Structure formats: structure tokens, C-alpha cells
């Protein structure tokens, strides 16, 4: 049974999955645009939206928490300086997912994820 399972495993072990979403979130924060598979976009939204919510107000605890999650100082500063104040009045829904088509090799659905 799949009770209380919050995320997809993608047939990866835990450390590889954490590093995958850390790198995807760093790329999305850096370029504010990312093209990947639909399932990874949905999981990235679950991973990144609480971090954007934390970055709305700057404190030492929030800074250390984001260092633990994304481990890239430039991305963290961009979250606190640009992205956090942009969504200060919004309660949620910071990312949008647009379906793009299918990948040529394995026919998996592709999508874009951007900041809304």
C-alpha cells in the first residue's frame, strides 16, 4: 500500500534524488525557466515552493535552512533579494507548469516550469 508516501522515487536512491532536486532547483532559480519531464516538474514544485515561502522574510534560521536544502549561495541570495520580495503578498502558487510535448527517444511527456 502507498499510504503516507509524499513523493515519487524515480527509481533513484535517496541521495541521488536529493541532489537531483537540489540541482534542478538551482537551475530554475538561476535561469527562472527549466525544461524537463512532467513528473520531475511536479516534484520540483513540491520541493521548491516551500523554499520560496521561507525566503519571503530573511532571518538566520531561514538562511541556514536554505543552505541545508540548496547549498548554493548565489541561488540563496537571489531567493532572498529578488524572488522572495516578488511574492511577498502571495500565499502560494509561485511556479507554473506548461506541458510541452513528448521526448523523441522514450516518448516521455516534457514540460516547462517557470516562475509565475
PDB file of N, CA and C in Angstrom:
ATOM      1  N   UNK A   1       0.834  -1.186   0.000  1.00  0.00           N
ATOM      2  CA  UNK A   1       0.000   0.000   0.000  1.00  0.00           C
ATOM      3  C   UNK A   1       0.874   1.242   0.000  1.00  0.00           C
ATOM      4  N   UNK A   2       0.360   2.336  -0.522  1.00  0.00           N
ATOM      5  CA  UNK A   2       1.130   3.559  -0.664  1.00  0.00           C
ATOM      6  C   UNK A   2       0.659   4.642   0.300  1.00  0.00           C
ATOM      7  N   UNK A   3       0.331   4.271   1.507  1.00  0.00           N
ATOM      8  CA  UNK A   3      -0.133   5.259   2.475  1.00  0.00           C
ATOM      9  C   UNK A   3       1.031   6.115   2.956  1.00  0.00           C
ATOM     10  N   UNK A   4       0.806   7.409   3.072  1.00  0.00           N
ATOM     11  CA  UNK A   4       1.738   8.383   3.629  1.00  0.00           C
ATOM     12  C   UNK A   4       3.041   8.514   2.840  1.00  0.00           C
ATOM     13  N   UNK A   5       3.035   8.190   1.570  1.00  0.00           N
ATOM     14  CA  UNK A   5       4.203   8.405   0.733  1.00  0.00           C
ATOM     15  C   UNK A   5       4.005   9.714  -0.005  1.00  0.00           C
ATOM     16  N   UNK A   6       4.903  10.661   0.204  1.00  0.00           N
ATOM     17  CA  UNK A   6       4.678  12.021  -0.265  1.00  0.00           C
ATOM     18  C   UNK A   6       5.309  12.312  -1.616  1.00  0.00           C
ATOM     19  N   UNK A   7       6.243  11.519  -2.074  1.00  0.00           N
ATOM     20  CA  UNK A   7       6.970  11.896  -3.276  1.00  0.00           C
ATOM     21  C   UNK A   7       7.220  10.677  -4.155  1.00  0.00           C
ATOM     22  N   UNK A   8       7.569  10.955  -5.406  1.00  0.00           N
ATOM     23  CA  UNK A   8       7.908   9.895  -6.339  1.00  0.00           C
ATOM     24  C   UNK A   8       9.377   9.523  -6.165  1.00  0.00           C
ATOM     25  N   UNK A   9       9.691   8.270  -6.364  1.00  0.00           N
ATOM     26  CA  UNK A   9      11.058   7.827  -6.131  1.00  0.00           C
ATOM     27  C   UNK A   9      11.902   7.827  -7.395  1.00  0.00           C
ATOM     28  N   UNK A  10      11.308   7.776  -8.573  1.00  0.00           N
ATOM     29  CA  UNK A  10      12.007   7.800  -9.861  1.00  0.00           C
ATOM     30  C   UNK A  10      13.036   6.682 -10.005  1.00  0.00           C
ATOM     31  N   UNK A  11      12.921   5.626  -9.207  1.00  0.00           N
ATOM     32  CA  UNK A  11      13.857   4.505  -9.209  1.00  0.00           C
ATOM     33  C   UNK A  11      15.284   4.963  -8.877  1.00  0.00           C
ATOM     34  N   UNK A  12      15.408   6.013  -8.047  1.00  0.00           N
ATOM     35  CA  UNK A  12      16.697   6.516  -7.586  1.00  0.00           C
ATOM     36  C   UNK A  12      16.813   6.256  -6.099  1.00  0.00           C
ATOM     37  N   UNK A  13      18.048   6.204  -5.615  1.00  0.00           N
ATOM     38  CA  UNK A  13      18.205   6.137  -4.165  1.00  0.00           C
ATOM     39  C   UNK A  13      18.053   7.550  -3.591  1.00  0.00           C
ATOM     40  N   UNK A  14      18.033   7.643  -2.279  1.00  0.00           N
ATOM     41  CA  UNK A  14      17.673   8.885  -1.605  1.00  0.00           C
ATOM     42  C   UNK A  14      18.678  10.005  -1.876  1.00  0.00           C
ATOM     43  N   UNK A  15      19.961   9.712  -1.826  1.00  0.00           N
ATOM     44  CA  UNK A  15      20.959  10.763  -2.016  1.00  0.00           C
ATOM     45  C   UNK A  15      20.956  11.282  -3.453  1.00  0.00           C
ATOM     46  N   UNK A  16      20.772  10.402  -4.423  1.00  0.00           N
ATOM     47  CA  UNK A  16      20.732  10.849  -5.814  1.00  0.00           C
ATOM     48  C   UNK A  16      19.495  11.703  -6.074  1.00  0.00           C
ATOM     49  N   UNK A  17      18.369  11.321  -5.477  1.00  0.00           N
ATOM     50  CA  UNK A  17      17.139  12.091  -5.666  1.00  0.00           C
ATOM     51  C   UNK A  17      17.266  13.476  -5.028  1.00  0.00           C
ATOM     52  N   UNK A  18      17.889  13.558  -3.852  1.00  0.00           N
ATOM     53  CA  UNK A  18      18.084  14.857  -3.198  1.00  0.00           C
ATOM     54  C   UNK A  18      18.997  15.757  -4.030  1.00  0.00           C
ATOM     55  N   UNK A  19      20.074  15.191  -4.553  1.00  0.00           N
ATOM     56  CA  UNK A  19      20.978  16.001  -5.367  1.00  0.00           C
ATOM     57  C   UNK A  19      20.336  16.401  -6.687  1.00  0.00           C
ATOM     58  N   UNK A  20      19.483  15.538  -7.245  1.00  0.00           N
ATOM     59  CA  UNK A  20      18.772  15.880  -8.472  1.00  0.00           C
ATOM     60  C   UNK A  20      17.887  17.097  -8.268  1.00  0.00           C
ATOM     61  N   UNK A  21      17.089  17.097  -7.213  1.00  0.00           N
ATOM     62  CA  UNK A  21      16.192  18.226  -6.987  1.00  0.00           C
ATOM     63  C   UNK A  21      16.924  19.467  -6.508  1.00  0.00           C
ATOM     64  N   UNK A  22      18.054  19.298  -5.835  1.00  0.00           N
ATOM     65  CA  UNK A  22      18.870  20.444  -5.480  1.00  0.00           C
ATOM     66  C   UNK A  22      19.412  21.108  -6.744  1.00  0.00           C
ATOM     67  N   UNK A  23      19.915  20.307  -7.689  1.00  0.00           N
ATOM     68  CA  UNK A  23      20.456  20.866  -8.928  1.00  0.00           C
ATOM     69  C   UNK A  23      19.363  21.443  -9.822  1.00  0.00           C
ATOM     70  N   UNK A  24      18.208  20.782  -9.892  1.00  0.00           N
ATOM     71  CA  UNK A  24      17.102  21.325 -10.676  1.00  0.00           C
ATOM     72  C   UNK A  24      16.619  22.651 -10.097  1.00  0.00           C
ATOM     73  N   UNK A  25      16.538  22.736  -8.775  1.00  0.00           N
ATOM     74  CA  UNK A  25      16.087  23.989  -8.168  1.00  0.00           C
ATOM     75  C   UNK A  25      17.121  25.099  -8.352  1.00  0.00           C
ATOM     76  N   UNK A  26      18.422  24.769  -8.291  1.00  0.00           N
ATOM     77  CA  UNK A  26      19.444  25.780  -8.558  1.00  0.00           C
ATOM     78  C   UNK A  26      19.354  26.297  -9.988  1.00  0.00           C
ATOM     79  N   UNK A  27      19.114  25.408 -10.937  1.00  0.00           N
ATOM     80  CA  UNK A  27      18.983  25.832 -12.329  1.00  0.00           C
ATOM     81  C   UNK A  27      17.746  26.684 -12.528  1.00  0.00           C
ATOM     82  N   UNK A  28      16.653  26.302 -11.895  1.00  0.00           N
ATOM     83  CA  UNK A  28      15.421  27.083 -12.041  1.00  0.00           C
ATOM     84  C   UNK A  28      15.567  28.459 -11.412  1.00  0.00           C
ATOM     85  N   UNK A  29      16.217  28.545 -10.279  1.00  0.00           N
ATOM     86  CA  UNK A  29      16.420  29.845  -9.639  1.00  0.00           C
ATOM     87  C   UNK A  29      17.361  30.709 -10.474  1.00  0.00           C
ATOM     88  N   UNK A  30      18.375  30.112 -11.050  1.00  0.00           N
ATOM     89  CA  UNK A  30      19.349  30.871 -11.830  1.00  0.00           C
ATOM     90  C   UNK A  30      18.743  31.415 -13.123  1.00  0.00           C
ATOM     91  N   UNK A  31      18.039  30.559 -13.870  1.00  0.00           N
ATOM     92  CA  UNK A  31      17.535  30.951 -15.187  1.00  0.00           C
ATOM     93  C   UNK A  31      16.061  31.325 -15.185  1.00  0.00           C
ATOM     94  N   UNK A  32      15.320  31.009 -14.114  1.00  0.00           N
ATOM     95  CA  UNK A  32      13.888  31.240 -13.966  1.00  0.00           C
ATOM     96  C   UNK A  32      13.077  30.536 -15.056  1.00  0.00           C
ATOM     97  N   UNK A  33      13.607  29.462 -15.601  1.00  0.00           N
ATOM     98  CA  UNK A  33      12.970  28.723 -16.675  1.00  0.00           C
ATOM     99  C   UNK A  33      13.663  27.373 -16.749  1.00  0.00           C
ATOM    100  N   UNK A  34      12.903  26.297 -16.898  1.00  0.00           N
ATOM    101  CA  UNK A  34      13.505  24.972 -16.941  1.00  0.00           C
ATOM    102  C   UNK A  34      12.630  24.057 -17.775  1.00  0.00           C
ATOM    103  N   UNK A  35      13.254  23.251 -18.621  1.00  0.00           N
ATOM    104  CA  UNK A  35      12.525  22.276 -19.426  1.00  0.00           C
ATOM    105  C   UNK A  35      12.976  20.883 -19.014  1.00  0.00           C
ATOM    106  N   UNK A  36      12.033  20.080 -18.531  1.00  0.00           N
ATOM    107  CA  UNK A  36      12.326  18.717 -18.107  1.00  0.00           C
ATOM    108  C   UNK A  36      11.046  17.898 -18.214  1.00  0.00           C
ATOM    109  N   UNK A  37      11.066  16.675 -17.710  1.00  0.00           N
ATOM    110  CA  UNK A  37       9.876  15.831 -17.812  1.00  0.00           C
ATOM    111  C   UNK A  37       8.781  16.336 -16.880  1.00  0.00           C
ATOM    112  N   UNK A  38       7.571  15.942 -17.180  1.00  0.00           N
ATOM    113  CA  UNK A  38       6.413  16.430 -16.430  1.00  0.00           C
ATOM    114  C   UNK A  38       6.453  15.978 -14.973  1.00  0.00           C
ATOM    115  N   UNK A  39       6.835  14.745 -14.719  1.00  0.00           N
ATOM    116  CA  UNK A  39       6.850  14.249 -13.349  1.00  0.00           C
ATOM    117  C   UNK A  39       7.926  14.936 -12.514  1.00  0.00           C
ATOM    118  N   UNK A  40       9.079  15.220 -13.125  1.00  0.00           N
ATOM    119  CA  UNK A  40      10.114  15.946 -12.394  1.00  0.00           C
ATOM    120  C   UNK A  40       9.671  17.373 -12.106  1.00  0.00           C
ATOM    121  N   UNK A  41       8.931  17.991 -13.028  1.00  0.00           N
ATOM    122  CA  UNK A  41       8.411  19.339 -12.775  1.00  0.00           C
ATOM    123  C   UNK A  41       7.437  19.339 -11.607  1.00  0.00           C
ATOM    124  N   UNK A  42       6.572  18.348 -11.555  1.00  0.00           N
ATOM    125  CA  UNK A  42       5.608  18.293 -10.458  1.00  0.00           C
ATOM    126  C   UNK A  42       6.303  18.080  -9.116  1.00  0.00           C
ATOM    127  N   UNK A  43       7.312  17.248  -9.092  1.00  0.00           N
ATOM    128  CA  UNK A  43       8.054  17.033  -7.853  1.00  0.00           C
ATOM    129  C   UNK A  43       8.915  18.238  -7.488  1.00  0.00           C
ATOM    130  N   UNK A  44       9.448  18.929  -8.489  1.00  0.00           N
ATOM    131  CA  UNK A  44      10.241  20.123  -8.226  1.00  0.00           C
ATOM    132  C   UNK A  44       9.378  21.223  -7.632  1.00  0.00           C
ATOM    133  N   UNK A  45       8.136  21.308  -8.075  1.00  0.00           N
ATOM    134  CA  UNK A  45       7.221  22.294  -7.500  1.00  0.00           C
ATOM    135  C   UNK A  45       6.971  21.992  -6.028  1.00  0.00           C
ATOM    136  N   UNK A  46       6.805  20.719  -5.680  1.00  0.00           N
ATOM    137  CA  UNK A  46       6.613  20.336  -4.278  1.00  0.00           C
ATOM    138  C   UNK A  46       7.863  20.645  -3.461  1.00  0.00           C
ATOM    139  N   UNK A  47       9.040  20.495  -4.070  1.00  0.00           N
ATOM    140  CA  UNK A  47      10.297  20.737  -3.370  1.00  0.00           C
ATOM    141  C   UNK A  47      10.585  22.229  -3.203  1.00  0.00           C
ATOM    142  N   UNK A  48      10.285  23.046  -4.229  1.00  0.00           N
ATOM    143  CA  UNK A  48      10.760  24.422  -4.256  1.00  0.00           C
ATOM    144  C   UNK A  48       9.775  25.442  -3.688  1.00  0.00           C
ATOM    145  N   UNK A  49       8.475  25.193  -3.763  1.00  0.00           N
ATOM    146  CA  UNK A  49       7.528  26.201  -3.278  1.00  0.00           C
ATOM    147  C   UNK A  49       7.643  26.477  -1.781  1.00  0.00           C
ATOM    148  N   UNK A  50       7.873  25.489  -0.913  1.00  0.00           N
ATOM    149  CA  UNK A  50       8.112  25.843   0.494  1.00  0.00           C
ATOM    150  C   UNK A  50       9.384  26.657   0.703  1.00  0.00           C
ATOM    151  N   UNK A  51      10.394  26.436  -0.132  1.00  0.00           N
ATOM    152  CA  UNK A  51      11.628  27.219  -0.006  1.00  0.00           C
ATOM    153  C   UNK A  51      11.399  28.673  -0.412  1.00  0.00           C
ATOM    154  N   UNK A  52      10.566  28.894  -1.419  1.00  0.00           N
ATOM    155  CA  UNK A  52      10.230  30.267  -1.811  1.00  0.00           C
ATOM    156  C   UNK A  52       9.434  30.925  -0.697  1.00  0.00           C
ATOM    157  N   UNK A  53       8.545  30.177  -0.069  1.00  0.00           N
ATOM    158  CA  UNK A  53       7.765  30.724   1.031  1.00  0.00           C
ATOM    159  C   UNK A  53       8.664  31.098   2.207  1.00  0.00           C
ATOM    160  N   UNK A  54       9.691  30.311   2.464  1.00  0.00           N
ATOM    161  CA  UNK A  54      10.637  30.613   3.539  1.00  0.00           C
ATOM    162  C   UNK A  54      11.465  31.842   3.191  1.00  0.00           C
ATOM    163  N   UNK A  55      11.782  32.026   1.913  1.00  0.00           N
ATOM    164  CA  UNK A  55      12.647  33.134   1.521  1.00  0.00           C
ATOM    165  C   UNK A  55      11.936  34.484   1.504  1.00  0.00           C
ATOM    166  N   UNK A  56      10.661  34.542   1.858  1.00  0.00           N
ATOM    167  CA  UNK A  56       9.961  35.821   1.893  1.00  0.00           C
ATOM    168  C   UNK A  56      10.497  36.742   2.978  1.00  0.00           C
ATOM    169  N   UNK A  57      10.898  36.183   4.112  1.00  0.00           N
ATOM    170  CA  UNK A  57      11.459  37.023   5.167  1.00  0.00           C
ATOM    171  C   UNK A  57      12.823  36.471   5.571  1.00  0.00           C
ATOM    172  N   UNK A  58      13.782  37.356   5.676  1.00  0.00           N
ATOM    173  CA  UNK A  58      15.162  36.974   5.942  1.00  0.00           C
ATOM    174  C   UNK A  58      15.391  36.834   7.440  1.00  0.00           C
ATOM    175  N   UNK A  59      15.958  35.710   7.839  1.00  0.00           N
ATOM    176  CA  UNK A  59      16.422  35.505   9.208  1.00  0.00           C
ATOM    177  C   UNK A  59      17.563  34.492   9.156  1.00  0.00           C
ATOM    178  N   UNK A  60      18.280  34.375  10.248  1.00  0.00           N
ATOM    179  CA  UNK A  60      19.403  33.434  10.291  1.00  0.00           C
ATOM    180  C   UNK A  60      18.922  31.990  10.147  1.00  0.00           C
ATOM    181  N   UNK A  61      17.814  31.682  10.793  1.00  0.00           N
ATOM    182  CA  UNK A  61      17.284  30.325  10.694  1.00  0.00           C
ATOM    183  C   UNK A  61      16.889  29.990   9.259  1.00  0.00           C
ATOM    184  N   UNK A  62      16.204  30.924   8.585  1.00  0.00           N
ATOM    185  CA  UNK A  62      15.794  30.684   7.198  1.00  0.00           C
ATOM    186  C   UNK A  62      17.002  30.542   6.281  1.00  0.00           C
ATOM    187  N   UNK A  63      18.018  31.354   6.505  1.00  0.00           N
ATOM    188  CA  UNK A  63      19.235  31.284   5.695  1.00  0.00           C
ATOM    189  C   UNK A  63      19.923  29.931   5.863  1.00  0.00           C
ATOM    190  N   UNK A  64      20.059  29.464   7.096  1.00  0.00           N
ATOM    191  CA  UNK A  64      20.706  28.176   7.345  1.00  0.00           C
ATOM    192  C   UNK A  64      19.875  27.014   6.810  1.00  0.00           C
ATOM    193  N   UNK A  65      18.558  27.148   6.885  1.00  0.00           N
ATOM    194  CA  UNK A  65      17.686  26.111   6.354  1.00  0.00           C
ATOM    195  C   UNK A  65      17.831  26.001   4.838  1.00  0.00           C
ATOM    196  N   UNK A  66      17.909  27.144   4.163  1.00  0.00           N
ATOM    197  CA  UNK A  66      18.077  27.118   2.706  1.00  0.00           C
ATOM    198  C   UNK A  66      19.466  26.627   2.316  1.00  0.00           C
ATOM    199  N   UNK A  67      20.472  26.929   3.101  1.00  0.00           N
ATOM    200  CA  UNK A  67      21.809  26.388   2.826  1.00  0.00           C
ATOM    201  C   UNK A  67      21.781  24.867   2.925  1.00  0.00           C
ATOM    202  N   UNK A  68      21.043  24.346   3.887  1.00  0.00           N
ATOM    203  CA  UNK A  68      20.946  22.902   4.030  1.00  0.00           C
ATOM    204  C   UNK A  68      20.209  22.274   2.843  1.00  0.00           C
ATOM    205  N   UNK A  69      19.230  22.977   2.278  1.00  0.00           N
ATOM    206  CA  UNK A  69      18.427  22.404   1.205  1.00  0.00           C
ATOM    207  C   UNK A  69      19.045  22.580  -0.183  1.00  0.00           C
ATOM    208  N   UNK A  70      19.548  23.796  -0.522  1.00  0.00           N
ATOM    209  CA  UNK A  70      20.036  24.015  -1.893  1.00  0.00           C
ATOM    210  C   UNK A  70      21.536  24.168  -2.021  1.00  0.00           C
ATOM    211  N   UNK A  71      22.242  24.544  -0.991  1.00  0.00           N
ATOM    212  CA  UNK A  71      23.712  24.535  -0.958  1.00  0.00           C
ATOM    213  C   UNK A  71      24.386  25.384  -2.026  1.00  0.00           C
ATOM    214  N   UNK A  72      23.731  26.407  -2.512  1.00  0.00           N
ATOM    215  CA  UNK A  72      24.352  27.322  -3.474  1.00  0.00           C
ATOM    216  C   UNK A  72      24.072  28.745  -2.997  1.00  0.00           C
ATOM    217  N   UNK A  73      25.121  29.444  -2.637  1.00  0.00           N
ATOM    218  CA  UNK A  73      24.972  30.771  -2.031  1.00  0.00           C
ATOM    219  C   UNK A  73      24.349  31.760  -3.010  1.00  0.00           C
ATOM    220  N   UNK A  74      24.744  31.703  -4.285  1.00  0.00           N
ATOM    221  CA  UNK A  74      24.177  32.635  -5.264  1.00  0.00           C
ATOM    222  C   UNK A  74      22.677  32.427  -5.427  1.00  0.00           C
ATOM    223  N   UNK A  75      22.231  31.183  -5.432  1.00  0.00           N
ATOM    224  CA  UNK A  75      20.798  30.909  -5.535  1.00  0.00           C
ATOM    225  C   UNK A  75      20.056  31.389  -4.290  1.00  0.00           C
ATOM    226  N   UNK A  76      20.672  31.225  -3.138  1.00  0.00           N
ATOM    227  CA  UNK A  76      20.023  31.653  -1.897  1.00  0.00           C
ATOM    228  C   UNK A  76      19.899  33.172  -1.851  1.00  0.00           C
ATOM    229  N   UNK A  77      20.955  33.874  -2.264  1.00  0.00           N
ATOM    230  CA  UNK A  77      20.870  35.335  -2.293  1.00  0.00           C
ATOM    231  C   UNK A  77      19.834  35.815  -3.302  1.00  0.00           C
ATOM    232  N   UNK A  78      19.728  35.125  -4.432  1.00  0.00           N
ATOM    233  CA  UNK A  78      18.699  35.507  -5.408  1.00  0.00           C
ATOM    234  C   UNK A  78      17.306  35.242  -4.851  1.00  0.00           C
ATOM    235  N   UNK A  79      17.150  34.161  -4.094  1.00  0.00           N
ATOM    236  CA  UNK A  79      15.859  33.903  -3.461  1.00  0.00           C
ATOM    237  C   UNK A  79      15.489  35.011  -2.486  1.00  0.00           C
ATOM    238  N   UNK A  80      16.439  35.423  -1.649  1.00  0.00           N
ATOM    239  CA  UNK A  80      16.130  36.438  -0.648  1.00  0.00           C
ATOM    240  C   UNK A  80      16.006  37.833  -1.231  1.00  0.00           C
ATOM    241  N   UNK A  81      16.796  38.178  -2.252  1.00  0.00           N
ATOM    242  CA  UNK A  81      16.810  39.549  -2.759  1.00  0.00           C
ATOM    243  C   UNK A  81      15.762  39.793  -3.835  1.00  0.00           C
ATOM    244  N   UNK A  82      15.527  38.824  -4.734  1.00  0.00           N
ATOM    245  CA  UNK A  82      14.665  39.055  -5.902  1.00  0.00           C
ATOM    246  C   UNK A  82      13.358  38.278  -5.822  1.00  0.00           C
ATOM    247  N   UNK A  83      13.448  36.972  -5.638  1.00  0.00           N
ATOM    248  CA  UNK A  83      12.263  36.128  -5.767  1.00  0.00           C
ATOM    249  C   UNK A  83      11.361  36.222  -4.544  1.00  0.00           C
ATOM    250  N   UNK A  84      11.926  36.247  -3.348  1.00  0.00           N
ATOM    251  CA  UNK A  84      11.117  36.345  -2.134  1.00  0.00           C
ATOM    252  C   UNK A  84      10.288  37.617  -2.062  1.00  0.00           C
ATOM    253  N   UNK A  85      10.882  38.805  -2.274  1.00  0.00           N
ATOM    254  CA  UNK A  85      10.063  40.022  -2.259  1.00  0.00           C
ATOM    255  C   UNK A  85       9.050  40.112  -3.398  1.00  0.00           C
ATOM    256  N   UNK A  86       9.321  39.423  -4.503  1.00  0.00           N
ATOM    257  CA  UNK A  86       8.373  39.434  -5.622  1.00  0.00           C
ATOM    258  C   UNK A  86       7.055  38.789  -5.220  1.00  0.00           C
ATOM    259  N   UNK A  87       7.110  37.762  -4.384  1.00  0.00           N
ATOM    260  CA  UNK A  87       5.909  37.025  -3.992  1.00  0.00           C
ATOM    261  C   UNK A  87       5.528  37.277  -2.543  1.00  0.00           C
ATOM    262  N   UNK A  88       5.885  38.434  -2.022  1.00  0.00           N
ATOM    263  CA  UNK A  88       5.639  38.719  -0.609  1.00  0.00           C
ATOM    264  C   UNK A  88       4.149  38.732  -0.265  1.00  0.00           C
ATOM    265  N   UNK A  89       3.308  39.210  -1.172  1.00  0.00           N
ATOM    266  CA  UNK A  89       1.878  39.301  -0.880  1.00  0.00           C
ATOM    267  C   UNK A  89       1.102  38.062  -1.315  1.00  0.00           C
ATOM    268  N   UNK A  90       1.742  37.117  -1.990  1.00  0.00           N
ATOM    269  CA  UNK A  90       1.053  35.924  -2.481  1.00  0.00           C
ATOM    270  C   UNK A  90       1.224  34.783  -1.493  1.00  0.00           C
ATOM    271  N   UNK A  91       0.164  33.990  -1.321  1.00  0.00           N
ATOM    272  CA  UNK A  91       0.196  32.896  -0.352  1.00  0.00           C
ATOM    273  C   UNK A  91       0.723  31.591  -0.924  1.00  0.00           C
ATOM    274  N   UNK A  92       0.706  31.424  -2.210  1.00  0.00           N
ATOM    275  CA  UNK A  92       1.178  30.184  -2.805  1.00  0.00           C
ATOM    276  C   UNK A  92       1.069  30.256  -4.309  1.00  0.00           C
ATOM    277  N   UNK A  93       1.409  29.185  -4.990  1.00  0.00           N
ATOM    278  CA  UNK A  93       1.309  29.145  -6.441  1.00  0.00           C
ATOM    279  C   UNK A  93       2.389  29.965  -7.116  1.00  0.00           C
ATOM    280  N   UNK A  94       3.638  29.744  -6.718  1.00  0.00           N
ATOM    281  CA  UNK A  94       4.737  30.545  -7.249  1.00  0.00           C
ATOM    282  C   UNK A  94       5.252  30.021  -8.576  1.00  0.00           C
ATOM    283  N   UNK A  95       4.991  28.768  -8.890  1.00  0.00           N
ATOM    284  CA  UNK A  95       5.535  28.141 -10.094  1.00  0.00           C
ATOM    285  C   UNK A  95       4.397  27.702 -11.009  1.00  0.00           C
ATOM    286  N   UNK A  96       4.626  27.809 -12.311  1.00  0.00           N
ATOM    287  CA  UNK A  96       3.658  27.340 -13.299  1.00  0.00           C
ATOM    288  C   UNK A  96       4.298  26.262 -14.147  1.00  0.00           C
ATOM    289  N   UNK A  97       3.511  25.267 -14.492  1.00  0.00           N
ATOM    290  CA  UNK A  97       3.974  24.171 -15.330  1.00  0.00           C
ATOM    291  C   UNK A  97       3.173  24.193 -16.624  1.00  0.00           C
ATOM    292  N   UNK A  98       3.880  24.224 -17.743  1.00  0.00           N
ATOM    293  CA  UNK A  98       3.265  24.177 -19.062  1.00  0.00           C
ATOM    294  C   UNK A  98       3.709  22.903 -19.765  1.00  0.00           C
ATOM    295  N   UNK A  99       2.752  22.144 -20.272  1.00  0.00           N
ATOM    296  CA  UNK A  99       3.104  20.928 -20.998  1.00  0.00           C
ATOM    297  C   UNK A  99       3.634  21.310 -22.368  1.00  0.00           C
ATOM    298  N   UNK A 100       4.660  20.595 -22.809  1.00  0.00           N
ATOM    299  CA  UNK A 100       5.392  20.986 -23.998  1.00  0.00           C
ATOM    300  C   UNK A 100       5.245  20.001 -25.147  1.00  0.00           C
ATOM    301  N   UNK A 101       5.239  18.734 -24.882  1.00  0.00           N
ATOM    302  CA  UNK A 101       5.182  17.722 -25.924  1.00  0.00           C
ATOM    303  C   UNK A 101       5.758  16.434 -25.381  1.00  0.00           C
ATOM    304  N   UNK A 102       6.367  15.656 -26.271  1.00  0.00           N
ATOM    305  CA  UNK A 102       6.937  14.374 -25.872  1.00  0.00           C
ATOM    306  C   UNK A 102       8.374  14.279 -26.344  1.00  0.00           C
ATOM    307  N   UNK A 103       9.201  13.606 -25.548  1.00  0.00           N
ATOM    308  CA  UNK A 103      10.594  13.422 -25.900  1.00  0.00           C
ATOM    309  C   UNK A 103      10.706  12.389 -27.015  1.00  0.00           C
ATOM    310  N   UNK A 104      11.677  12.593 -27.887  1.00  0.00           N
ATOM    311  CA  UNK A 104      11.791  11.761 -29.073  1.00  0.00           C
ATOM    312  C   UNK A 104      12.208  10.333 -28.754  1.00  0.00           C
ATOM    313  N   UNK A 105      13.113  10.142 -27.829  1.00  0.00           N
ATOM    314  CA  UNK A 105      13.666   8.816 -27.580  1.00  0.00           C
ATOM    315  C   UNK A 105      12.713   7.875 -26.871  1.00  0.00           C
ATOM    316  N   UNK A 106      12.164   8.301 -25.731  1.00  0.00           N
ATOM    317  CA  UNK A 106      11.340   7.404 -24.926  1.00  0.00           C
ATOM    318  C   UNK A 106       9.892   7.848 -24.808  1.00  0.00           C
ATOM    319  N   UNK A 107       9.519   8.915 -25.509  1.00  0.00           N
ATOM    320  CA  UNK A 107       8.137   9.403 -25.577  1.00  0.00           C
ATOM    321  C   UNK A 107       7.602   9.813 -24.200  1.00  0.00           C
ATOM    322  N   UNK A 108       8.480  10.305 -23.335  1.00  0.00           N
ATOM    323  CA  UNK A 108       8.020  10.784 -22.041  1.00  0.00           C
ATOM    324  C   UNK A 108       7.549  12.231 -22.180  1.00  0.00           C
ATOM    325  N   UNK A 109       6.517  12.625 -21.435  1.00  0.00           N
ATOM    326  CA  UNK A 109       5.972  13.975 -21.583  1.00  0.00           C
ATOM    327  C   UNK A 109       6.939  15.030 -21.035  1.00  0.00           C
ATOM    328  N   UNK A 110       7.173  16.062 -21.833  1.00  0.00           N
ATOM    329  CA  UNK A 110       8.043  17.165 -21.435  1.00  0.00           C
ATOM    330  C   UNK A 110       7.196  18.346 -20.999  1.00  0.00           C
ATOM    331  N   UNK A 111       7.792  19.217 -20.195  1.00  0.00           N
ATOM    332  CA  UNK A 111       7.076  20.406 -19.761  1.00  0.00           C
ATOM    333  C   UNK A 111       8.081  21.483 -19.360  1.00  0.00           C
ATOM    334  N   UNK A 112       7.598  22.721 -19.316  1.00  0.00           N
ATOM    335  CA  UNK A 112       8.345  23.863 -18.847  1.00  0.00           C
ATOM    336  C   UNK A 112       7.870  24.191 -17.448  1.00  0.00           C
ATOM    337  N   UNK A 113       8.766  24.637 -16.608  1.00  0.00           N
ATOM    338  CA  UNK A 113       8.379  25.169 -15.304  1.00  0.00           C
ATOM    339  C   UNK A 113       9.016  26.550 -15.180  1.00  0.00           C
ATOM    340  N   UNK A 114       8.179  27.527 -14.850  1.00  0.00           N
ATOM    341  CA  UNK A 114       8.637  28.915 -14.747  1.00  0.00           C
ATOM    342  C   UNK A 114       8.029  29.544 -13.498  1.00  0.00           C
ATOM    343  N   UNK A 115       8.614  30.656 -13.098  1.00  0.00           N
ATOM    344  CA  UNK A 115       8.029  31.445 -12.016  1.00  0.00           C
ATOM    345  C   UNK A 115       6.859  32.228 -12.580  1.00  0.00           C
ATOM    346  N   UNK A 116       5.729  32.195 -11.889  1.00  0.00           N
ATOM    347  CA  UNK A 116       4.557  32.906 -12.382  1.00  0.00           C
ATOM    348  C   UNK A 116       4.492  34.319 -11.871  1.00  0.00           C
TER     349      UNK A 116
END
